Amino acid sequence: MGSSPPLYLQIQQHLLEKIQNGDWPAHHQIPPEEQLARDFGVSRMTANKAIRDLVQQGYLTRQPGLGTFVTDRKAESSLVEVHNIAEEVRSRGHDYGNDVLRREAIAADDEVALRLGVRLGTQVFHTLIVHRENGVPIQLEDRYVNPRWVPAYLDTDFSRHTPNEVLVAACPITDIEHVVEAVLVDAATARHLDTEVTRPCLSMIRRTWSGENLISYARLIHPGERYKLRSSVHRQSS
């Protein structure tokens, strides 16, 4: 007969259940250590360890003088920089993975030709990849690349290197353009992102240049309930 888990783990499991089933949403204040200690019949030190571990794991945040709150654990990307999504996920202490749905050379249609700055019918490289955080889809990346600037793009092992890594290695990015809007997606996209067609998503159109060369055009779709975008601008004082 197996032994019961340590008391502090029992408290952690209780707190995680409240967070993960939605009883305690982001920014909800959890019960104080003293109350948890009374409820579970343990010392305050044991309750403190349970909370401290969840703070370190990113589920909770302490605000001195106010209490302990559930963190907003949505994935986050910058609007003013281009980061490797795999590194973003791992920086949060989570596991990164992806599913490569398409890897092909195709003729540019009207939209792709316009966005990528090539002639209609020009051969371009296309990939469609679902990026995952702890197994959960957080982004559908629909990307087109000009083969002139990244000729080996389709030879990439995308289980080891993200498209961003490949592009940066081939052509250092000097300029980016982002267009963001809230959208409702079609059934296929909803299925790839494990969401519902009635749930709003974030759509980011991203174009990247290296010098004067337009390298890539991508449409990045994120489930709205799992993702947020951040912008930070530093202005010099006059």
Protein backbone atom coordinates (compact mmCIF):
# COMPACT_ATOMS: atom_id res chain seq x y z
CA MET A 1 0.00 0.00 0.00
CA GLY A 2 1.53 3.33 -1.09
CA SER A 3 2.14 6.13 1.36
CA SER A 4 0.34 9.46 1.09
CA PRO A 5 2.24 12.36 -0.47
CA PRO A 6 3.89 14.86 1.90
CA LEU A 7 1.51 17.36 3.43
CA TYR A 8 2.96 20.31 1.54
CA LEU A 9 2.34 18.47 -1.74
CA GLN A 10 -1.26 17.85 -0.74
CA ILE A 11 -1.68 21.60 -0.28
CA GLN A 12 -0.01 22.24 -3.64
CA GLN A 13 -2.33 19.77 -5.37
CA HIS A 14 -5.33 21.51 -3.81
CA LEU A 15 -4.12 24.94 -4.97
CA LEU A 16 -3.29 23.70 -8.48
CA GLU A 17 -6.72 22.10 -8.85
CA LYS A 18 -8.36 25.41 -7.97
CA ILE A 19 -6.19 27.24 -10.52
CA GLN A 20 -6.38 24.72 -13.35
CA ASN A 21 -10.14 24.11 -13.19
CA GLY A 22 -10.81 27.86 -13.27
CA ASP A 23 -12.13 28.29 -9.72
CA TRP A 24 -9.28 30.72 -9.12
CA PRO A 25 -8.66 32.81 -12.27
CA ALA A 26 -5.67 35.05 -12.93
CA HIS A 27 -5.18 37.74 -10.23
CA HIS A 28 -7.38 35.87 -7.71
CA GLN A 29 -6.08 36.15 -4.15
CA ILE A 30 -5.52 32.75 -2.54
CA PRO A 31 -6.15 32.06 1.18
CA PRO A 32 -3.33 33.21 3.49
CA GLU A 33 -0.81 30.75 4.92
CA GLU A 34 -2.48 30.81 8.34
CA GLN A 35 -5.82 29.68 6.90
CA LEU A 36 -4.24 26.94 4.76
CA ALA A 37 -2.32 25.71 7.79
CA ARG A 38 -5.58 25.50 9.81
CA ASP A 39 -7.54 23.88 6.97
CA PHE A 40 -4.95 21.14 6.44
CA GLY A 41 -3.89 20.76 10.07
CA VAL A 42 -0.25 21.58 9.35
CA SER A 43 2.32 24.10 10.50
CA ARG A 44 2.53 27.49 8.89
CA MET A 45 6.01 26.52 7.68
CA THR A 46 4.52 23.63 5.69
CA ALA A 47 1.90 25.88 4.13
CA ASN A 48 4.63 28.41 3.34
CA LYS A 49 6.68 25.77 1.48
CA ALA A 50 3.66 24.77 -0.63
CA ILE A 51 3.07 28.37 -1.65
CA ARG A 52 6.76 29.16 -2.12
CA ASP A 53 7.21 26.26 -4.55
CA LEU A 54 4.22 27.39 -6.64
CA VAL A 55 5.61 30.93 -6.71
CA GLN A 56 8.90 29.56 -8.05
CA GLN A 57 7.01 27.55 -10.68
CA GLY A 58 5.19 30.68 -11.84
CA TYR A 59 1.65 29.77 -10.73
CA LEU A 60 1.50 32.32 -7.91
CA THR A 61 2.99 35.72 -7.19
CA ARG A 62 3.47 37.42 -3.83
CA GLN A 63 2.68 41.10 -3.36
CA PRO A 64 4.18 42.37 -0.07
CA GLY A 65 1.53 43.72 2.25
CA LEU A 66 -1.32 42.50 0.03
CA GLY A 67 -1.11 38.73 -0.23
CA THR A 68 -0.51 35.97 -2.79
CA PHE A 69 -2.25 35.95 -6.17
CA VAL A 70 -2.73 33.64 -9.13
CA THR A 71 -0.49 34.71 -12.01
CA ASP A 72 -1.62 35.31 -15.57
CA ARG A 73 0.14 32.38 -17.25
CA LYS A 74 -0.75 33.27 -20.82
CA ALA A 75 2.12 32.88 -23.22
CA GLU A 76 3.56 36.24 -24.16
CA SER A 77 5.44 37.68 -27.14
CA SER A 78 6.91 41.08 -27.86
CA LEU A 79 5.35 43.35 -30.46
CA VAL A 80 8.55 45.30 -31.09
CA GLU A 81 11.05 42.45 -31.36
CA VAL A 82 11.24 39.04 -33.03
CA HIS A 83 12.04 36.25 -30.60
CA ASN A 84 12.46 32.52 -31.05
CA ILE A 85 9.21 31.01 -29.77
CA ALA A 86 11.03 27.92 -28.52
CA GLU A 87 13.27 30.08 -26.34
CA GLU A 88 10.26 32.05 -25.06
CA VAL A 89 8.55 28.83 -23.96
CA ARG A 90 11.67 27.41 -22.32
CA SER A 91 12.37 30.71 -20.55
CA ARG A 92 9.08 30.14 -18.70
CA GLY A 93 10.36 26.74 -17.56
CA HIS A 94 8.02 24.89 -19.92
CA ASP A 95 8.47 22.24 -22.61
CA TYR A 96 8.44 23.30 -26.26
CA GLY A 97 7.28 21.15 -29.16
CA ASN A 98 5.78 21.55 -32.62
CA ASP A 99 3.90 19.80 -35.40
CA VAL A 100 4.97 20.47 -38.99
CA LEU A 101 1.77 20.37 -41.03
CA ARG A 102 3.18 21.58 -44.36
CA ARG A 103 6.62 22.01 -45.89
CA GLU A 104 6.50 22.86 -49.59
CA ALA A 105 7.53 25.02 -52.53
CA ILE A 106 4.49 26.71 -54.10
CA ALA A 107 3.62 29.41 -56.62
CA ALA A 108 2.83 32.74 -54.94
CA ASP A 109 -0.82 33.75 -55.22
CA ASP A 110 -1.99 37.36 -55.24
CA GLU A 111 -1.80 37.88 -51.48
CA VAL A 112 1.56 36.16 -50.98
CA ALA A 113 3.09 37.96 -53.97
CA LEU A 114 1.93 41.31 -52.58
CA ARG A 115 3.02 40.62 -49.00
CA LEU A 116 6.38 39.11 -49.97
CA GLY A 117 7.17 41.60 -52.72
CA VAL A 118 7.55 39.05 -55.54
CA ARG A 119 5.86 38.52 -58.91
CA LEU A 120 2.63 36.53 -59.09
CA GLY A 121 3.47 32.85 -59.64
CA THR A 122 7.03 33.13 -58.30
CA GLN A 123 8.10 29.98 -56.46
CA VAL A 124 8.25 30.58 -52.69
CA PHE A 125 8.78 28.33 -49.70
CA HIS A 126 5.81 27.65 -47.41
CA THR A 127 5.59 26.05 -43.95
CA LEU A 128 2.62 25.57 -41.65
CA ILE A 129 3.63 24.73 -38.09
CA VAL A 130 1.77 24.39 -34.78
CA HIS A 131 3.91 25.51 -31.83
CA ARG A 132 3.13 23.93 -28.45
CA GLU A 133 3.81 24.82 -24.82
CA ASN A 134 3.62 21.84 -22.47
CA GLY A 135 1.77 20.05 -25.27
CA VAL A 136 -0.87 22.78 -25.66
CA PRO A 137 -1.06 24.70 -28.99
CA ILE A 138 -0.20 28.38 -28.56
CA GLN A 139 0.54 29.44 -32.14
CA LEU A 140 -0.21 28.41 -35.72
CA GLU A 141 2.58 29.79 -37.91
CA ASP A 142 1.74 30.10 -41.61
CA ARG A 143 5.00 31.34 -43.18
CA TYR A 144 6.23 32.19 -46.68
CA VAL A 145 9.93 32.68 -47.40
CA ASN A 146 11.72 34.08 -50.44
CA PRO A 147 14.03 31.24 -51.60
CA ARG A 148 16.47 33.78 -53.04
CA TRP A 149 17.54 34.81 -49.56
CA VAL A 150 17.12 31.52 -47.64
CA PRO A 151 17.66 28.74 -50.23
CA ALA A 152 18.06 25.92 -47.67
CA TYR A 153 14.91 26.79 -45.69
CA LEU A 154 12.93 23.65 -46.57
CA ASP A 155 15.90 21.40 -45.67
CA THR A 156 15.58 22.43 -42.01
CA ASP A 157 14.85 19.89 -39.30
CA PHE A 158 12.07 21.90 -37.66
CA SER A 159 11.99 19.55 -34.67
CA ARG A 160 15.37 21.06 -33.76
CA HIS A 161 15.24 24.57 -35.22
CA THR A 162 12.33 26.99 -35.52
CA PRO A 163 11.79 29.05 -38.69
CA ASN A 164 12.91 32.12 -36.74
CA GLU A 165 16.27 30.50 -35.98
CA VAL A 166 16.78 29.60 -39.63
CA LEU A 167 15.94 33.07 -40.91
CA VAL A 168 18.10 34.88 -38.36
CA ALA A 169 21.06 32.60 -39.11
CA ALA A 170 20.74 33.13 -42.87
CA CYS A 171 19.82 36.83 -42.94
CA PRO A 172 20.14 38.93 -39.77
CA ILE A 173 16.83 40.76 -39.31
CA THR A 174 17.07 44.55 -39.48
CA ASP A 175 13.41 45.60 -39.86
CA ILE A 176 10.06 44.13 -38.92
CA GLU A 177 6.41 45.02 -39.55
CA HIS A 178 3.57 43.81 -37.33
CA VAL A 179 -0.17 44.11 -37.93
CA VAL A 180 -2.33 42.69 -35.13
CA GLU A 181 -6.09 42.12 -35.00
CA ALA A 182 -8.67 39.97 -33.23
CA VAL A 183 -10.21 37.37 -35.52
CA LEU A 184 -12.52 34.39 -35.61
CA VAL A 185 -10.85 31.44 -37.33
CA ASP A 186 -12.11 28.70 -39.63
CA ALA A 187 -12.73 25.13 -38.51
CA ALA A 188 -9.35 23.82 -39.68
CA THR A 189 -7.41 26.52 -37.80
CA ALA A 190 -9.54 26.00 -34.69
CA ARG A 191 -8.79 22.29 -34.84
CA HIS A 192 -5.04 22.90 -35.14
CA LEU A 193 -5.15 25.23 -32.12
CA ASP A 194 -7.49 23.03 -30.10
CA THR A 195 -10.01 25.83 -29.69
CA GLU A 196 -13.54 26.69 -30.85
CA VAL A 197 -14.51 28.72 -33.92
CA THR A 198 -16.56 30.95 -31.62
CA ARG A 199 -13.54 31.91 -29.50
CA PRO A 200 -11.57 34.99 -30.62
CA CYS A 201 -7.95 34.56 -31.62
CA LEU A 202 -5.08 37.00 -32.07
CA SER A 203 -3.76 37.31 -35.61
CA MET A 204 -0.35 38.88 -36.22
CA ILE A 205 0.88 39.56 -39.74
CA ARG A 206 4.68 39.77 -39.61
CA ARG A 207 7.05 40.78 -42.38
CA THR A 208 10.82 40.77 -41.86
CA TRP A 209 13.63 42.43 -43.79
CA SER A 210 17.39 42.03 -43.84
CA GLY A 211 18.68 45.34 -45.11
CA GLU A 212 16.60 46.15 -48.19
CA ASN A 213 15.64 42.51 -48.80
CA LEU A 214 12.15 41.36 -47.79
CA ILE A 215 12.84 37.90 -46.41
CA SER A 216 9.63 36.49 -45.00
CA TYR A 217 5.90 36.99 -44.58
CA ALA A 218 4.04 35.10 -41.86
CA ARG A 219 0.58 34.98 -40.35
CA LEU A 220 0.75 33.93 -36.70
CA ILE A 221 -2.53 32.87 -35.06
CA HIS A 222 -2.78 32.57 -31.27
CA PRO A 223 -5.73 31.36 -29.14
CA GLY A 224 -6.89 34.52 -27.40
CA GLU A 225 -7.40 32.83 -24.04
CA ARG A 226 -3.82 31.50 -24.02
CA TYR A 227 -1.76 34.33 -25.45
CA LYS A 228 -0.96 37.99 -25.02
CA LEU A 229 1.24 40.47 -26.86
CA ARG A 230 3.42 43.05 -25.17
CA SER A 231 4.94 46.34 -26.34
CA SER A 232 7.49 48.39 -24.43
CA VAL A 233 9.01 51.62 -25.72
CA HIS A 234 11.74 53.62 -24.01
CA ARG A 235 11.72 57.34 -24.78
CA GLN A 236 14.64 59.59 -24.10
CA SER A 237 13.76 62.53 -21.90
CA SER A 238 14.11 65.89 -23.60
